[in-house]
Structures are given as structure tokens and as C-alpha cells.
């Protein structure tokens, strides 16, 4: 079976940390591809600052140079709240020959018991949790059926987040090299997030 990673998120905006995490997961678990999937409306999160179409365009710009990275618009097309269980049911129906790996930050692993439909979800997908070098995550606190579905990988130590980028832009501070150059240029062209050249 083909091994495909799914990298979900608002990508508001996508940044180099997302790309490093995806590449670390791809490399450490031999994934054939990683599909970047912007959410329409993430559960328990504020609405994204820019449209789904713009976030998808930024993702497409960011990953254009890597043939193993692909954009995926399935949650944007479906609309509504983007529950992973609904997405994986749809993807498994479309691609029964693919083994899916959902890539998340290690900090999100502790929240897996609260995910919608987690009992069914663990039968459709493995989770790759990316943890910082030297950090320890205790999987024993999780229910056994979730622990069995979690794989751990080490990620590069990069402390960048979309919210940090938005805060810096609101203050007029540079975010250059925190996002791929093509994404930086897209932001300037489109005027989103009030990015100023320089």
C-alpha cells in the first residue's frame, strides 16, 4: 500500500515550520507523499484570518518545489466544521489502497481522546506526533487504543507559529524567511495580513 501523510491545519499562513515538520515525518517514516490540507473551519479554533482559497494558494506556492508535497482542498470543498473523522472517511472511500498517516505536533497528542469520532478514526489512520529533540512525551497517559495508533518522530527545533507571524505583521515587524519566499511575495501581492515589503 502507498504510504501518504496528511498535514492538516488552518495554514493562516503556512510557514517554514510546517514544511520542516512535514519533511521530518516523510523522511522518518518513508512516506511517499505528504498532502497539505487547509481546514475550512477547525474545531475549537477561531475562524481563519483570510479565505480558504487564499490559504490554499499560499500552500500551493509554498510546496511548489517539492514533488512529494501536494495540496489537498477536500475540507475547503466540503465546508462546515472540519472534523478529521469526516475527512478520513471520505479519503478512505476515494483511496482504499492508501495507508494514511496524520501528522500532528506532539502537543496535540494529549488532545486526541477529545477528537470527534476518535474510536473510529484510529482504525483509519495512524498519527505521527512530531516532538522537539530532547523532549519527552508520556504516551502511557493515553487510552491504549489511541497509544497503539501513535508514532513519534523528532522534529527540528524551530519556534515559529502562524500566530507569531500574524502578531509580528500587526506590529510592522519583518516575517521574511519565516515563510517561504514565494508565500512572502504572495502576501505582498495580495495585501493580506497588511504585509509591507522589506
N, C-alpha and C. Protein backbone atom coordinates (compact mmCIF):
# COMPACT_ATOMS: atom_id res chain seq x y z
N UNK A 1 0.84 -1.20 0.00
CA UNK A 1 0.00 0.00 0.00
C UNK A 1 0.87 1.25 0.00
N UNK A 2 0.41 2.28 -0.67
CA UNK A 2 1.11 3.56 -0.65
C UNK A 2 0.97 4.18 0.74
N UNK A 3 2.03 4.83 1.19
CA UNK A 3 2.01 5.50 2.49
C UNK A 3 1.99 7.01 2.25
N UNK A 4 0.89 7.63 2.67
CA UNK A 4 0.69 9.06 2.43
C UNK A 4 0.47 9.78 3.76
N UNK A 5 1.19 10.86 3.95
CA UNK A 5 0.99 11.70 5.13
C UNK A 5 -0.01 12.80 4.85
N UNK A 6 -0.81 13.13 5.86
CA UNK A 6 -1.75 14.25 5.77
C UNK A 6 -1.31 15.31 6.77
N UNK A 7 -1.08 16.50 6.29
CA UNK A 7 -0.71 17.63 7.14
C UNK A 7 -1.88 18.61 7.12
N UNK A 8 -2.66 18.60 8.19
CA UNK A 8 -3.83 19.47 8.26
C UNK A 8 -3.55 20.73 9.06
N UNK A 9 -4.39 21.72 8.90
CA UNK A 9 -4.25 22.94 9.68
C UNK A 9 -4.89 24.11 8.96
N UNK A 10 -4.95 25.23 9.67
CA UNK A 10 -5.50 26.43 9.04
C UNK A 10 -4.55 27.00 7.99
N UNK A 11 -3.23 26.85 8.24
CA UNK A 11 -2.21 27.44 7.37
C UNK A 11 -2.51 28.92 7.15
N UNK A 12 -2.57 29.64 8.26
CA UNK A 12 -3.02 31.04 8.26
C UNK A 12 -1.95 31.98 8.82
N UNK A 13 -0.76 32.06 8.19
CA UNK A 13 -0.34 31.46 6.92
C UNK A 13 0.51 30.21 7.15
N UNK A 14 0.76 29.47 6.06
CA UNK A 14 1.74 28.38 6.10
C UNK A 14 3.12 28.99 6.31
N UNK A 15 3.99 28.29 7.06
CA UNK A 15 5.34 28.82 7.33
C UNK A 15 6.36 27.70 7.26
N UNK A 16 7.64 28.06 7.44
CA UNK A 16 8.71 27.07 7.26
C UNK A 16 8.64 25.96 8.30
N UNK A 17 8.07 26.23 9.47
CA UNK A 17 7.92 25.18 10.48
C UNK A 17 7.02 24.06 9.98
N UNK A 18 5.93 24.40 9.28
CA UNK A 18 5.05 23.38 8.70
C UNK A 18 5.82 22.50 7.72
N UNK A 19 6.63 23.13 6.89
CA UNK A 19 7.37 22.39 5.88
C UNK A 19 8.42 21.48 6.51
N UNK A 20 9.10 21.96 7.53
CA UNK A 20 10.11 21.15 8.22
C UNK A 20 9.47 19.93 8.91
N UNK A 21 8.32 20.14 9.54
CA UNK A 21 7.61 19.05 10.21
C UNK A 21 7.19 17.99 9.19
N UNK A 22 6.62 18.44 8.08
CA UNK A 22 6.17 17.51 7.04
C UNK A 22 7.34 16.70 6.49
N UNK A 23 8.46 17.36 6.25
CA UNK A 23 9.63 16.67 5.70
C UNK A 23 10.22 15.69 6.72
N UNK A 24 10.22 16.08 8.01
CA UNK A 24 10.72 15.18 9.05
C UNK A 24 9.86 13.91 9.11
N UNK A 25 8.55 14.06 9.04
CA UNK A 25 7.65 12.90 9.06
C UNK A 25 7.84 12.05 7.81
N UNK A 26 7.94 12.70 6.65
CA UNK A 26 8.11 11.96 5.39
C UNK A 26 9.40 11.14 5.42
N UNK A 27 10.46 11.77 5.89
CA UNK A 27 11.77 11.12 5.90
C UNK A 27 11.83 9.98 6.91
N UNK A 28 11.33 10.21 8.12
CA UNK A 28 11.48 9.22 9.19
C UNK A 28 10.56 8.02 9.02
N UNK A 29 9.44 8.18 8.31
CA UNK A 29 8.51 7.05 8.16
C UNK A 29 8.34 6.60 6.72
N UNK A 30 9.20 7.08 5.83
CA UNK A 30 9.20 6.61 4.45
C UNK A 30 7.90 6.88 3.72
N UNK A 31 7.32 8.05 3.95
CA UNK A 31 6.07 8.40 3.28
C UNK A 31 6.35 8.74 1.82
N UNK A 32 5.49 8.27 0.95
CA UNK A 32 5.67 8.55 -0.48
C UNK A 32 5.38 10.02 -0.77
N UNK A 33 4.33 10.55 -0.13
CA UNK A 33 3.95 11.95 -0.31
C UNK A 33 3.38 12.49 0.99
N UNK A 34 3.34 13.81 1.10
CA UNK A 34 2.60 14.48 2.17
C UNK A 34 1.61 15.43 1.50
N UNK A 35 0.34 15.29 1.87
CA UNK A 35 -0.71 16.15 1.33
C UNK A 35 -1.04 17.23 2.36
N UNK A 36 -0.93 18.49 1.94
CA UNK A 36 -1.20 19.63 2.82
C UNK A 36 -2.67 20.03 2.66
N UNK A 37 -3.41 19.98 3.75
CA UNK A 37 -4.86 20.11 3.72
C UNK A 37 -5.34 21.29 4.58
N UNK A 38 -5.56 22.46 3.98
CA UNK A 38 -6.13 23.56 4.77
C UNK A 38 -7.54 23.22 5.25
N UNK A 39 -7.81 23.54 6.50
CA UNK A 39 -9.14 23.30 7.05
C UNK A 39 -10.09 24.41 6.61
N UNK A 40 -11.37 24.07 6.53
CA UNK A 40 -12.37 25.10 6.26
C UNK A 40 -12.64 25.89 7.54
N UNK A 41 -13.01 25.16 8.59
CA UNK A 41 -13.21 25.77 9.90
C UNK A 41 -12.81 24.72 10.94
N UNK A 42 -11.66 24.95 11.57
CA UNK A 42 -11.14 23.97 12.53
C UNK A 42 -11.99 23.95 13.79
N UNK A 43 -12.26 22.76 14.36
CA UNK A 43 -12.99 22.69 15.63
C UNK A 43 -12.22 23.43 16.72
N UNK A 44 -12.94 24.17 17.55
CA UNK A 44 -12.37 24.83 18.73
C UNK A 44 -11.33 25.89 18.39
N UNK A 45 -11.35 26.40 17.15
CA UNK A 45 -10.41 27.47 16.79
C UNK A 45 -11.17 28.63 16.18
N UNK A 46 -10.57 29.81 16.27
CA UNK A 46 -11.18 30.98 15.65
C UNK A 46 -11.17 30.80 14.13
N UNK A 47 -12.03 31.54 13.47
CA UNK A 47 -12.05 31.48 12.01
C UNK A 47 -10.74 32.04 11.47
N UNK A 48 -10.28 31.47 10.38
CA UNK A 48 -9.02 31.92 9.79
C UNK A 48 -9.13 33.38 9.36
N UNK A 49 -7.96 34.06 9.34
CA UNK A 49 -7.95 35.48 9.02
C UNK A 49 -8.18 35.78 7.55
N UNK A 50 -7.87 34.83 6.68
CA UNK A 50 -8.07 35.03 5.24
C UNK A 50 -8.87 33.85 4.69
N UNK A 51 -9.35 33.99 3.48
CA UNK A 51 -10.24 32.98 2.88
C UNK A 51 -9.53 31.64 2.68
N UNK A 52 -10.32 30.61 2.58
CA UNK A 52 -9.78 29.29 2.31
C UNK A 52 -9.04 29.26 0.99
N UNK A 53 -9.55 29.95 -0.01
CA UNK A 53 -8.90 29.97 -1.32
C UNK A 53 -7.51 30.58 -1.23
N UNK A 54 -7.37 31.67 -0.47
CA UNK A 54 -6.05 32.30 -0.32
C UNK A 54 -5.10 31.40 0.46
N UNK A 55 -5.60 30.73 1.49
CA UNK A 55 -4.75 29.83 2.26
C UNK A 55 -4.29 28.65 1.40
N UNK A 56 -5.19 28.14 0.56
CA UNK A 56 -4.83 27.06 -0.37
C UNK A 56 -3.78 27.55 -1.37
N UNK A 57 -3.95 28.78 -1.87
CA UNK A 57 -2.98 29.33 -2.82
C UNK A 57 -1.60 29.50 -2.17
N UNK A 58 -1.57 29.92 -0.89
CA UNK A 58 -0.29 30.05 -0.20
C UNK A 58 0.37 28.68 -0.01
N UNK A 59 -0.44 27.67 0.34
CA UNK A 59 0.08 26.31 0.46
C UNK A 59 0.68 25.85 -0.87
N UNK A 60 -0.05 26.08 -1.94
CA UNK A 60 0.41 25.67 -3.27
C UNK A 60 1.72 26.36 -3.63
N UNK A 61 1.82 27.64 -3.31
CA UNK A 61 3.07 28.38 -3.55
C UNK A 61 4.21 27.77 -2.72
N UNK A 62 3.93 27.49 -1.45
CA UNK A 62 4.97 27.04 -0.52
C UNK A 62 5.57 25.69 -0.91
N UNK A 63 4.75 24.80 -1.46
CA UNK A 63 5.21 23.43 -1.70
C UNK A 63 5.54 23.16 -3.17
N UNK A 64 5.48 24.20 -4.00
CA UNK A 64 5.62 24.02 -5.45
C UNK A 64 6.93 23.34 -5.84
N UNK A 65 7.99 23.55 -5.08
CA UNK A 65 9.28 23.00 -5.46
C UNK A 65 9.54 21.58 -5.00
N UNK A 66 8.59 20.95 -4.32
CA UNK A 66 8.80 19.62 -3.78
C UNK A 66 7.79 18.64 -4.38
N UNK A 67 8.21 17.73 -5.25
CA UNK A 67 7.26 16.82 -5.89
C UNK A 67 6.58 15.84 -4.93
N UNK A 68 7.12 15.71 -3.71
CA UNK A 68 6.50 14.82 -2.72
C UNK A 68 5.41 15.52 -1.91
N UNK A 69 5.26 16.84 -2.08
CA UNK A 69 4.26 17.61 -1.36
C UNK A 69 3.13 17.99 -2.33
N UNK A 70 1.88 17.77 -1.90
CA UNK A 70 0.71 18.08 -2.73
C UNK A 70 -0.32 18.86 -1.93
N UNK A 71 -1.04 19.80 -2.57
CA UNK A 71 -2.14 20.48 -1.89
C UNK A 71 -3.40 19.62 -1.95
N UNK A 72 -4.24 19.74 -0.93
CA UNK A 72 -5.48 18.97 -0.85
C UNK A 72 -6.60 19.89 -0.38
N UNK A 73 -7.63 20.07 -1.19
CA UNK A 73 -8.69 21.04 -0.87
C UNK A 73 -9.97 20.39 -0.36
N UNK A 74 -9.89 19.13 0.07
CA UNK A 74 -11.09 18.36 0.40
C UNK A 74 -11.94 19.01 1.50
N UNK A 75 -11.31 19.59 2.52
CA UNK A 75 -12.09 20.20 3.60
C UNK A 75 -12.66 21.55 3.18
N UNK A 76 -11.95 22.27 2.35
CA UNK A 76 -12.47 23.55 1.84
C UNK A 76 -13.69 23.31 0.95
N UNK A 77 -13.63 22.28 0.13
CA UNK A 77 -14.75 21.96 -0.76
C UNK A 77 -15.96 21.50 0.04
N UNK A 78 -15.72 20.70 1.09
CA UNK A 78 -16.84 20.18 1.89
C UNK A 78 -17.50 21.29 2.71
N UNK A 79 -16.72 22.24 3.20
CA UNK A 79 -17.27 23.32 4.02
C UNK A 79 -17.62 22.85 5.42
N UNK A 80 -18.23 23.72 6.21
CA UNK A 80 -18.61 23.38 7.57
C UNK A 80 -17.40 23.21 8.48
N UNK A 81 -17.63 22.62 9.65
CA UNK A 81 -16.54 22.36 10.59
C UNK A 81 -15.72 21.18 10.07
N UNK A 82 -14.40 21.33 10.09
CA UNK A 82 -13.51 20.32 9.50
C UNK A 82 -13.13 19.27 10.54
N UNK A 83 -13.99 18.27 10.70
CA UNK A 83 -13.68 17.16 11.59
C UNK A 83 -12.85 16.13 10.83
N UNK A 84 -11.75 15.72 11.42
CA UNK A 84 -10.85 14.77 10.77
C UNK A 84 -11.55 13.45 10.46
N UNK A 85 -12.47 13.03 11.30
CA UNK A 85 -13.17 11.77 11.08
C UNK A 85 -13.95 11.81 9.76
N UNK A 86 -14.60 12.94 9.46
CA UNK A 86 -15.35 13.07 8.20
C UNK A 86 -14.40 13.05 7.01
N UNK A 87 -13.27 13.73 7.17
CA UNK A 87 -12.28 13.80 6.09
C UNK A 87 -11.69 12.43 5.79
N UNK A 88 -11.34 11.69 6.85
CA UNK A 88 -10.72 10.39 6.63
C UNK A 88 -11.71 9.38 6.06
N UNK A 89 -12.98 9.46 6.43
CA UNK A 89 -13.99 8.59 5.81
C UNK A 89 -14.04 8.85 4.31
N UNK A 90 -14.01 10.13 3.95
CA UNK A 90 -14.07 10.50 2.53
C UNK A 90 -12.80 10.05 1.80
N UNK A 91 -11.63 10.28 2.40
CA UNK A 91 -10.37 9.91 1.76
C UNK A 91 -10.22 8.40 1.63
N UNK A 92 -10.63 7.65 2.65
CA UNK A 92 -10.54 6.19 2.57
C UNK A 92 -11.48 5.64 1.50
N UNK A 93 -12.63 6.30 1.33
CA UNK A 93 -13.54 5.89 0.26
C UNK A 93 -12.95 6.15 -1.12
N UNK A 94 -12.24 7.27 -1.25
CA UNK A 94 -11.64 7.64 -2.53
C UNK A 94 -10.36 6.86 -2.81
N UNK A 95 -9.63 6.51 -1.74
CA UNK A 95 -8.31 5.88 -1.91
C UNK A 95 -8.18 4.66 -0.98
N UNK A 96 -8.90 3.58 -1.25
CA UNK A 96 -8.83 2.41 -0.37
C UNK A 96 -7.46 1.74 -0.37
N UNK A 97 -6.62 2.07 -1.35
CA UNK A 97 -5.31 1.43 -1.48
C UNK A 97 -4.21 2.22 -0.76
N UNK A 98 -4.57 3.28 -0.03
CA UNK A 98 -3.57 4.12 0.63
C UNK A 98 -3.61 3.93 2.14
N UNK A 99 -2.43 3.86 2.74
CA UNK A 99 -2.29 3.86 4.19
C UNK A 99 -1.98 5.29 4.61
N UNK A 100 -2.88 5.89 5.38
CA UNK A 100 -2.75 7.31 5.72
C UNK A 100 -2.11 7.50 7.09
N UNK A 101 -1.30 8.55 7.17
CA UNK A 101 -0.64 8.96 8.41
C UNK A 101 -0.96 10.43 8.63
N UNK A 102 -1.60 10.73 9.74
CA UNK A 102 -1.98 12.12 10.03
C UNK A 102 -0.90 12.75 10.90
N UNK A 103 -0.30 13.83 10.41
CA UNK A 103 0.86 14.45 11.06
C UNK A 103 0.39 15.55 11.99
N UNK A 104 0.77 15.46 13.28
CA UNK A 104 0.39 16.48 14.26
C UNK A 104 1.58 16.79 15.16
N UNK A 105 1.53 17.93 15.79
CA UNK A 105 2.54 18.26 16.79
C UNK A 105 2.35 17.39 18.02
N UNK A 106 3.44 17.07 18.69
CA UNK A 106 3.35 16.19 19.86
C UNK A 106 2.43 16.78 20.93
N UNK A 107 2.34 18.12 20.99
CA UNK A 107 1.47 18.73 21.99
C UNK A 107 0.00 18.41 21.74
N UNK A 108 -0.33 18.05 20.49
CA UNK A 108 -1.73 17.73 20.16
C UNK A 108 -2.10 16.29 20.54
N UNK A 109 -1.11 15.44 20.78
CA UNK A 109 -1.39 14.04 21.05
C UNK A 109 -2.26 13.88 22.30
N UNK A 110 -2.01 14.70 23.32
CA UNK A 110 -2.79 14.61 24.55
C UNK A 110 -4.26 14.96 24.35
N UNK A 111 -4.56 15.66 23.25
CA UNK A 111 -5.95 16.05 22.98
C UNK A 111 -6.69 15.01 22.14
N UNK A 112 -5.99 13.99 21.65
CA UNK A 112 -6.63 13.00 20.79
C UNK A 112 -7.88 12.36 21.40
N UNK A 113 -7.90 12.07 22.72
CA UNK A 113 -9.13 11.47 23.28
C UNK A 113 -10.37 12.35 23.09
N UNK A 114 -10.19 13.65 22.87
CA UNK A 114 -11.33 14.57 22.71
C UNK A 114 -11.72 14.76 21.24
N UNK A 115 -10.96 14.17 20.32
CA UNK A 115 -11.27 14.35 18.90
C UNK A 115 -12.58 13.65 18.57
N UNK A 116 -13.35 14.27 17.71
CA UNK A 116 -14.62 13.72 17.25
C UNK A 116 -14.39 12.35 16.60
N UNK A 117 -15.12 11.34 17.08
CA UNK A 117 -15.07 10.01 16.46
C UNK A 117 -13.73 9.31 16.57
N UNK A 118 -12.96 9.59 17.63
CA UNK A 118 -11.60 9.05 17.73
C UNK A 118 -11.59 7.52 17.73
N UNK A 119 -12.63 6.89 18.27
CA UNK A 119 -12.67 5.42 18.32
C UNK A 119 -12.65 4.82 16.92
N UNK A 120 -13.34 5.48 15.97
CA UNK A 120 -13.33 5.01 14.58
C UNK A 120 -12.10 5.52 13.83
N UNK A 121 -11.67 6.72 14.18
CA UNK A 121 -10.56 7.36 13.46
C UNK A 121 -9.27 6.55 13.55
N UNK A 122 -9.01 5.96 14.71
CA UNK A 122 -7.76 5.21 14.88
C UNK A 122 -7.71 3.96 14.00
N UNK A 123 -8.87 3.52 13.49
CA UNK A 123 -8.89 2.38 12.58
C UNK A 123 -8.66 2.79 11.13
N UNK A 124 -8.64 4.09 10.88
CA UNK A 124 -8.47 4.60 9.51
C UNK A 124 -7.11 5.22 9.26
N UNK A 125 -6.44 5.63 10.34
CA UNK A 125 -5.23 6.42 10.17
C UNK A 125 -4.30 6.22 11.36
N UNK A 126 -3.01 6.27 11.08
CA UNK A 126 -2.01 6.35 12.16
C UNK A 126 -1.68 7.83 12.37
N UNK A 127 -1.30 8.17 13.58
CA UNK A 127 -0.89 9.54 13.88
C UNK A 127 0.62 9.58 14.04
N UNK A 128 1.25 10.55 13.38
CA UNK A 128 2.67 10.82 13.59
C UNK A 128 2.77 12.08 14.43
N UNK A 129 3.28 11.93 15.64
CA UNK A 129 3.47 13.06 16.53
C UNK A 129 4.90 13.55 16.47
N UNK A 130 5.10 14.79 16.10
CA UNK A 130 6.44 15.36 15.99
C UNK A 130 6.80 16.04 17.29
N UNK A 131 7.88 15.59 17.91
CA UNK A 131 8.32 16.20 19.16
C UNK A 131 9.69 16.83 19.00
N UNK A 132 9.95 17.85 19.79
CA UNK A 132 11.23 18.55 19.73
C UNK A 132 12.32 17.65 20.29
N UNK A 133 13.54 17.80 19.78
CA UNK A 133 14.65 16.99 20.30
C UNK A 133 14.82 17.18 21.80
N UNK A 134 14.96 16.07 22.51
CA UNK A 134 15.18 16.12 23.95
C UNK A 134 13.91 16.17 24.77
N UNK A 135 12.77 16.46 24.15
CA UNK A 135 11.52 16.49 24.91
C UNK A 135 10.97 15.08 25.04
N UNK A 136 10.26 14.85 26.12
CA UNK A 136 9.70 13.52 26.37
C UNK A 136 8.18 13.61 26.43
N UNK A 137 7.52 12.70 25.75
CA UNK A 137 6.07 12.64 25.77
C UNK A 137 5.66 11.30 26.35
N UNK A 138 4.81 11.33 27.36
CA UNK A 138 4.39 10.10 28.03
C UNK A 138 3.10 9.59 27.40
N UNK A 139 3.21 8.61 26.52
CA UNK A 139 2.03 8.05 25.87
C UNK A 139 1.20 7.20 26.81
N UNK A 140 1.77 6.82 27.97
CA UNK A 140 1.05 5.95 28.90
C UNK A 140 -0.19 6.61 29.48
N UNK A 141 -0.28 7.94 29.36
CA UNK A 141 -1.47 8.63 29.89
C UNK A 141 -2.66 8.51 28.93
N UNK A 142 -2.41 8.01 27.74
CA UNK A 142 -3.48 7.88 26.74
C UNK A 142 -4.17 6.53 26.87
N UNK A 143 -5.44 6.44 26.46
CA UNK A 143 -6.08 5.12 26.36
C UNK A 143 -5.28 4.24 25.41
N UNK A 144 -5.23 2.95 25.69
CA UNK A 144 -4.40 2.03 24.92
C UNK A 144 -4.71 2.06 23.42
N UNK A 145 -6.00 2.19 23.07
CA UNK A 145 -6.36 2.13 21.65
C UNK A 145 -5.82 3.35 20.90
N UNK A 146 -5.62 4.46 21.60
CA UNK A 146 -5.02 5.64 20.96
C UNK A 146 -3.51 5.50 20.93
N UNK A 147 -2.93 5.04 22.05
CA UNK A 147 -1.48 4.86 22.11
C UNK A 147 -0.99 3.96 20.97
N UNK A 148 -1.77 2.92 20.66
CA UNK A 148 -1.38 1.97 19.61
C UNK A 148 -1.37 2.62 18.23
N UNK A 149 -2.07 3.75 18.08
CA UNK A 149 -2.18 4.41 16.77
C UNK A 149 -1.21 5.57 16.61
N UNK A 150 -0.35 5.81 17.63
CA UNK A 150 0.55 6.97 17.61
C UNK A 150 1.99 6.54 17.39
N UNK A 151 2.63 7.17 16.43
CA UNK A 151 4.06 7.02 16.18
C UNK A 151 4.73 8.34 16.50
N UNK A 152 5.94 8.29 17.04
CA UNK A 152 6.64 9.52 17.40
C UNK A 152 7.83 9.73 16.48
N UNK A 153 8.06 10.97 16.12
CA UNK A 153 9.22 11.34 15.32
C UNK A 153 9.81 12.62 15.90
N UNK A 154 11.08 12.83 15.65
CA UNK A 154 11.72 14.06 16.11
C UNK A 154 11.64 15.11 15.03
N UNK A 155 11.39 16.35 15.45
CA UNK A 155 11.33 17.45 14.52
C UNK A 155 12.44 18.45 14.81
N UNK A 156 12.85 19.22 13.80
CA UNK A 156 13.85 20.26 14.04
C UNK A 156 13.32 21.29 15.04
N UNK A 157 14.23 21.89 15.76
CA UNK A 157 13.85 22.87 16.78
C UNK A 157 13.64 24.22 16.11
N UNK A 158 12.40 24.52 15.73
CA UNK A 158 12.05 25.79 15.10
C UNK A 158 10.81 26.32 15.79
N UNK A 159 10.95 27.45 16.45
CA UNK A 159 9.85 28.01 17.23
C UNK A 159 9.14 29.10 16.44
N UNK A 160 8.40 28.68 15.42
CA UNK A 160 7.63 29.61 14.58
C UNK A 160 6.20 29.12 14.55
N UNK A 161 5.27 30.04 14.63
CA UNK A 161 3.85 29.69 14.54
C UNK A 161 3.15 30.73 13.67
N UNK A 162 1.99 30.35 13.15
CA UNK A 162 1.20 31.29 12.34
C UNK A 162 0.78 32.49 13.17
N UNK A 163 0.43 32.24 14.44
CA UNK A 163 0.01 33.37 15.29
C UNK A 163 1.17 34.33 15.55
N UNK A 164 2.39 33.80 15.71
CA UNK A 164 3.56 34.67 15.87
C UNK A 164 3.74 35.54 14.62
N UNK A 165 3.60 34.92 13.46
CA UNK A 165 3.74 35.67 12.21
C UNK A 165 2.69 36.77 12.12
N UNK A 166 1.44 36.46 12.46
CA UNK A 166 0.38 37.48 12.40
C UNK A 166 0.65 38.61 13.39
N UNK A 167 1.14 38.27 14.59
CA UNK A 167 1.45 39.31 15.59
C UNK A 167 2.58 40.21 15.10
N UNK A 168 3.61 39.62 14.51
CA UNK A 168 4.73 40.42 14.01
C UNK A 168 4.27 41.35 12.90
N UNK A 169 3.43 40.84 12.04
CA UNK A 169 2.94 41.67 10.94
C UNK A 169 2.07 42.81 11.45
N UNK A 170 1.28 42.54 12.49
CA UNK A 170 0.44 43.60 13.07
C UNK A 170 1.28 44.73 13.65
N UNK A 171 2.51 44.39 14.08
CA UNK A 171 3.42 45.39 14.65
C UNK A 171 4.36 45.99 13.59
N UNK A 172 4.21 45.54 12.36
CA UNK A 172 5.08 46.04 11.30
C UNK A 172 6.47 45.45 11.32
N UNK A 173 6.63 44.30 11.99
CA UNK A 173 7.94 43.65 12.07
C UNK A 173 8.12 42.67 10.91
N UNK A 174 9.36 42.41 10.55
CA UNK A 174 9.65 41.53 9.42
C UNK A 174 9.31 40.08 9.73
N UNK A 175 8.75 39.41 8.74
CA UNK A 175 8.50 37.96 8.85
C UNK A 175 9.23 37.22 7.72
N UNK A 176 10.11 37.94 7.06
CA UNK A 176 10.84 37.34 5.95
C UNK A 176 11.66 36.15 6.45
N UNK A 177 11.68 35.09 5.66
CA UNK A 177 12.37 33.82 5.94
C UNK A 177 11.65 32.97 6.99
N UNK A 178 10.58 33.50 7.61
CA UNK A 178 9.72 32.65 8.45
C UNK A 178 8.73 31.90 7.56
N UNK A 179 8.46 32.46 6.40
CA UNK A 179 7.62 31.82 5.39
C UNK A 179 8.46 31.66 4.13
N UNK A 180 8.13 30.71 3.27
CA UNK A 180 8.86 30.60 2.01
C UNK A 180 8.77 31.91 1.22
N UNK A 181 9.80 32.19 0.45
CA UNK A 181 9.85 33.45 -0.29
C UNK A 181 8.64 33.62 -1.21
N UNK A 182 8.18 32.52 -1.81
CA UNK A 182 7.02 32.61 -2.71
C UNK A 182 5.76 33.00 -1.94
N UNK A 183 5.64 32.54 -0.70
CA UNK A 183 4.49 32.90 0.14
C UNK A 183 4.60 34.36 0.56
N UNK A 184 5.81 34.79 0.92
CA UNK A 184 6.06 36.18 1.27
C UNK A 184 5.65 37.11 0.12
N UNK A 185 6.05 36.74 -1.09
CA UNK A 185 5.71 37.55 -2.26
C UNK A 185 4.21 37.53 -2.53
N UNK A 186 3.56 36.37 -2.29
CA UNK A 186 2.11 36.26 -2.45
C UNK A 186 1.40 37.22 -1.49
N UNK A 187 1.87 37.26 -0.24
CA UNK A 187 1.26 38.14 0.75
C UNK A 187 1.37 39.61 0.33
N UNK A 188 2.52 39.98 -0.18
CA UNK A 188 2.73 41.36 -0.61
C UNK A 188 1.82 41.68 -1.80
N UNK A 189 1.78 40.77 -2.78
CA UNK A 189 0.94 41.00 -3.98
C UNK A 189 -0.53 41.14 -3.61
N UNK A 190 -0.99 40.30 -2.70
CA UNK A 190 -2.43 40.27 -2.37
C UNK A 190 -2.80 41.24 -1.26
N UNK A 191 -1.80 41.75 -0.55
CA UNK A 191 -2.09 42.70 0.52
C UNK A 191 -2.69 42.09 1.78
N UNK A 192 -2.62 40.76 1.91
CA UNK A 192 -3.21 40.13 3.10
C UNK A 192 -2.29 40.30 4.30
N UNK A 193 -2.88 40.28 5.46
CA UNK A 193 -2.16 40.43 6.74
C UNK A 193 -1.41 41.76 6.81
N UNK A 194 -1.69 42.69 5.91
CA UNK A 194 -1.03 44.00 5.92
C UNK A 194 0.49 43.88 5.88
N UNK A 195 0.99 42.94 5.08
CA UNK A 195 2.43 42.76 4.95
C UNK A 195 3.03 43.90 4.14
N UNK A 196 4.10 44.45 4.64
CA UNK A 196 4.82 45.51 3.93
C UNK A 196 6.14 44.95 3.40
N UNK A 197 6.51 45.32 2.19
CA UNK A 197 7.80 44.84 1.67
C UNK A 197 8.96 45.32 2.55
N UNK A 198 10.02 44.52 2.57
CA UNK A 198 11.21 44.94 3.32
C UNK A 198 11.63 43.92 4.33
